[in-house]
Amino acid sequence: MDKEDYKKILLASFFGVGLTMFAFFKGLSLTTPISASVMMVTSPIMVLLFSSILIRSTTEKRRILEVFIGLLGAILLITFGSSSNANNKIVAGAIF
C-alpha cells in the first residue's frame, strides 16, 4: 500500500464512520425515545427484507421469527408509548 492510500482510507473512515455516527447521535437527541426505538428496531428488519429481495438470499425460519418479534416490539412501542405533542421533535430527529 502506498502512503497515498492511507490518506484515502483515513478520509473515507472519517466520513464513513465518524460523520455517520455524529449524525446518528444528533438525530437521536432531536427525537423522542419511542421514535428512536422504532428506528433502531426497523433498521435491521429493513436490511434483512431488502437483502432477501435484492440479493435473493434465502431467509431461514429463525430470521422470519426474529423479524416478527422485532415488528411486534415496534408495534407495542407505538401503541403503548407515551403520546406527547412532539411532532416537530420527531421530524427533526428523522431528518438526521
Protein backbone atom coordinates (compact mmCIF):
# COMPACT_ATOMS: atom_id res chain seq x y z
CA MET A 1 0.00 0.00 0.00
CA ASP A 2 1.08 3.48 -0.81
CA LYS A 3 1.15 6.39 1.64
CA GLU A 4 -1.49 7.99 -0.58
CA ASP A 5 -3.77 5.01 0.10
CA TYR A 6 -3.54 5.57 3.86
CA LYS A 7 -4.71 9.15 3.40
CA LYS A 8 -7.70 7.95 1.36
CA ILE A 9 -8.55 5.30 3.97
CA LEU A 10 -8.35 7.87 6.77
CA LEU A 11 -10.60 10.28 4.89
CA ALA A 12 -13.08 7.53 3.98
CA SER A 13 -13.18 6.26 7.56
CA PHE A 14 -13.93 9.75 8.85
CA PHE A 15 -16.84 10.27 6.50
CA GLY A 16 -18.00 6.68 6.56
CA VAL A 17 -17.92 6.14 10.30
CA GLY A 18 -17.30 9.37 12.20
CA LEU A 19 -19.68 11.65 10.36
CA THR A 20 -22.35 8.98 10.16
CA MET A 21 -22.22 8.30 13.89
CA PHE A 22 -22.29 12.02 14.66
CA ALA A 23 -25.40 12.44 12.52
CA PHE A 24 -26.97 9.37 14.16
CA PHE A 25 -26.44 10.62 17.71
CA LYS A 26 -27.52 14.14 16.79
CA GLY A 27 -30.71 12.69 15.30
CA LEU A 28 -31.33 10.67 18.47
CA SER A 29 -31.05 13.80 20.58
CA LEU A 30 -33.62 15.54 18.38
CA THR A 31 -36.27 12.85 18.51
CA THR A 32 -38.44 11.18 21.12
CA PRO A 33 -37.31 7.94 22.79
CA ILE A 34 -40.14 5.95 21.24
CA SER A 35 -39.36 7.12 17.71
CA ALA A 36 -35.68 6.36 18.25
CA SER A 37 -36.55 2.87 19.47
CA VAL A 38 -38.75 2.21 16.47
CA MET A 39 -35.99 3.38 14.12
CA MET A 40 -33.44 1.16 15.87
CA VAL A 41 -35.74 -1.86 15.57
CA THR A 42 -36.78 -1.33 11.97
CA SER A 43 -33.28 -0.74 10.52
CA PRO A 44 -32.08 -4.38 10.74
CA ILE A 45 -35.51 -5.57 9.66
CA MET A 46 -35.34 -3.45 6.52
CA VAL A 47 -31.81 -4.69 5.77
CA LEU A 48 -32.98 -8.30 6.05
CA LEU A 49 -36.01 -7.69 3.84
CA PHE A 50 -34.05 -5.79 1.20
CA SER A 51 -31.31 -8.43 1.14
CA SER A 52 -33.86 -11.18 0.62
CA ILE A 53 -35.49 -9.21 -2.20
CA LEU A 54 -32.48 -7.69 -3.97
CA ILE A 55 -29.89 -10.43 -3.48
CA ARG A 56 -32.49 -13.19 -3.46
CA SER A 57 -30.94 -14.73 -0.40
CA THR A 58 -32.85 -17.46 1.36
CA THR A 59 -34.47 -16.46 4.60
CA GLU A 60 -34.47 -19.04 7.38
CA LYS A 61 -37.47 -19.63 9.64
CA ARG A 62 -35.45 -18.31 12.58
CA ARG A 63 -34.86 -14.98 10.84
CA ILE A 64 -38.53 -14.69 9.94
CA LEU A 65 -39.33 -15.21 13.63
CA GLU A 66 -36.79 -12.54 14.58
CA VAL A 67 -38.35 -10.07 12.13
CA PHE A 68 -41.80 -10.84 13.53
CA ILE A 69 -40.61 -10.29 17.12
CA GLY A 70 -38.96 -7.01 16.11
CA LEU A 71 -42.10 -5.79 14.38
CA LEU A 72 -44.18 -6.82 17.38
CA GLY A 73 -41.88 -4.81 19.65
CA ALA A 74 -42.14 -1.76 17.39
CA ILE A 75 -45.92 -2.03 17.33
CA LEU A 76 -46.00 -2.28 21.13
CA LEU A 77 -43.80 0.81 21.45
CA ILE A 78 -46.02 2.80 19.12
CA THR A 79 -49.25 1.59 20.72
CA PHE A 80 -48.39 1.83 24.41
CA GLY A 81 -45.71 4.53 24.34
CA SER A 82 -46.31 7.91 25.88
CA SER A 83 -48.08 10.19 23.48
CA SER A 84 -46.92 13.76 23.73
CA ASN A 85 -47.12 16.64 21.33
CA ALA A 86 -43.59 16.28 20.00
CA ASN A 87 -44.25 16.19 16.26
CA ASN A 88 -41.60 18.82 15.50
CA LYS A 89 -39.04 16.88 17.50
CA ILE A 90 -39.84 13.65 15.65
CA VAL A 91 -39.40 15.27 12.25
CA ALA A 92 -36.14 16.98 13.24
CA GLY A 93 -34.70 13.70 14.52
CA ALA A 94 -35.77 11.73 11.46
CA ILE A 95 -34.03 14.19 9.14
CA PHE A 96 -30.65 13.43 10.70
